[in-house]
């Protein structure tokens, strides 16, 4: 089973820290969320960890159009 960060592509800062990206100062607070491929995450991967959801997220997407051969009633 993939880690939470692999499944979501999101990681969280494990603690507050300051760094630079391309010479620009960046301040990060504990719990700030980043995409796993963000330059700061790639530069300092040990300062980030997987996102853990306390409650599962249920996602459903309504189908906007009928599938081929499917009839939609009104």
Protein backbone atom coordinates (compact mmCIF):
# COMPACT_ATOMS: atom_id res chain seq x y z
CA UNK A 1 0.00 0.00 0.00
CA UNK A 2 1.43 3.44 -0.88
CA UNK A 3 2.34 5.91 1.82
CA UNK A 4 -0.10 8.78 2.39
CA UNK A 5 2.28 11.23 0.70
CA UNK A 6 2.57 8.95 -2.35
CA UNK A 7 -1.19 8.51 -2.56
CA UNK A 8 -2.02 12.21 -2.26
CA UNK A 9 1.12 13.84 -3.61
CA UNK A 10 0.99 16.13 -0.57
CA UNK A 11 3.43 16.32 2.36
CA UNK A 12 3.40 18.34 5.58
CA UNK A 13 6.23 20.22 7.27
CA UNK A 14 7.26 18.34 10.41
CA UNK A 15 8.46 21.50 12.16
CA UNK A 16 8.89 25.23 11.53
CA UNK A 17 12.01 26.25 9.61
CA UNK A 18 13.44 28.88 7.28
CA UNK A 19 15.29 28.29 4.02
CA UNK A 20 15.78 29.79 0.59
CA UNK A 21 14.58 28.82 -2.87
CA UNK A 22 16.57 30.39 -5.70
CA UNK A 23 17.85 33.03 -3.26
CA UNK A 24 14.36 33.93 -2.01
CA UNK A 25 13.84 33.51 1.76
CA UNK A 26 11.01 31.13 2.69
CA UNK A 27 9.50 30.62 6.15
CA UNK A 28 7.59 27.40 6.78
CA UNK A 29 5.33 26.68 9.75
CA UNK A 30 4.76 23.24 11.22
CA UNK A 31 1.92 21.54 9.33
CA UNK A 32 2.22 23.64 6.16
CA UNK A 33 1.29 21.54 3.15
CA UNK A 34 3.38 21.21 0.00
CA UNK A 35 3.16 19.19 -3.18
CA UNK A 36 5.64 16.31 -2.99
CA UNK A 37 7.53 17.60 -6.05
CA UNK A 38 7.94 21.17 -4.71
CA UNK A 39 11.58 22.40 -4.90
CA UNK A 40 11.73 22.94 -1.12
CA UNK A 41 10.60 19.36 -0.47
CA UNK A 42 13.18 18.05 -2.91
CA UNK A 43 15.88 20.21 -1.26
CA UNK A 44 15.00 19.24 2.35
CA UNK A 45 12.97 15.99 2.24
CA UNK A 46 13.83 15.09 5.85
CA UNK A 47 11.79 18.11 7.06
CA UNK A 48 8.56 16.75 5.56
CA UNK A 49 6.33 13.78 6.26
CA UNK A 50 3.19 12.13 4.96
CA UNK A 51 -0.19 13.77 5.41
CA UNK A 52 -2.37 11.80 7.77
CA UNK A 53 -6.11 12.31 7.52
CA UNK A 54 -7.99 11.85 10.77
CA UNK A 55 -11.17 10.88 8.96
CA UNK A 56 -11.37 9.30 5.51
CA UNK A 57 -12.35 11.57 2.66
CA UNK A 58 -15.17 10.26 0.50
CA UNK A 59 -15.10 11.66 -2.99
CA UNK A 60 -17.83 11.11 -5.49
CA UNK A 61 -18.17 12.61 -8.92
CA UNK A 62 -21.54 12.81 -10.58
CA UNK A 63 -21.57 11.68 -14.17
CA UNK A 64 -22.64 14.66 -16.28
CA UNK A 65 -23.73 12.78 -19.39
CA UNK A 66 -25.20 9.42 -20.21
CA UNK A 67 -22.82 6.65 -21.16
CA UNK A 68 -23.18 5.19 -24.68
CA UNK A 69 -26.49 3.29 -24.81
CA UNK A 70 -27.57 4.55 -21.39
CA UNK A 71 -30.91 6.32 -21.12
CA UNK A 72 -31.38 9.19 -18.74
CA UNK A 73 -34.83 9.75 -17.29
CA UNK A 74 -36.30 13.09 -16.43
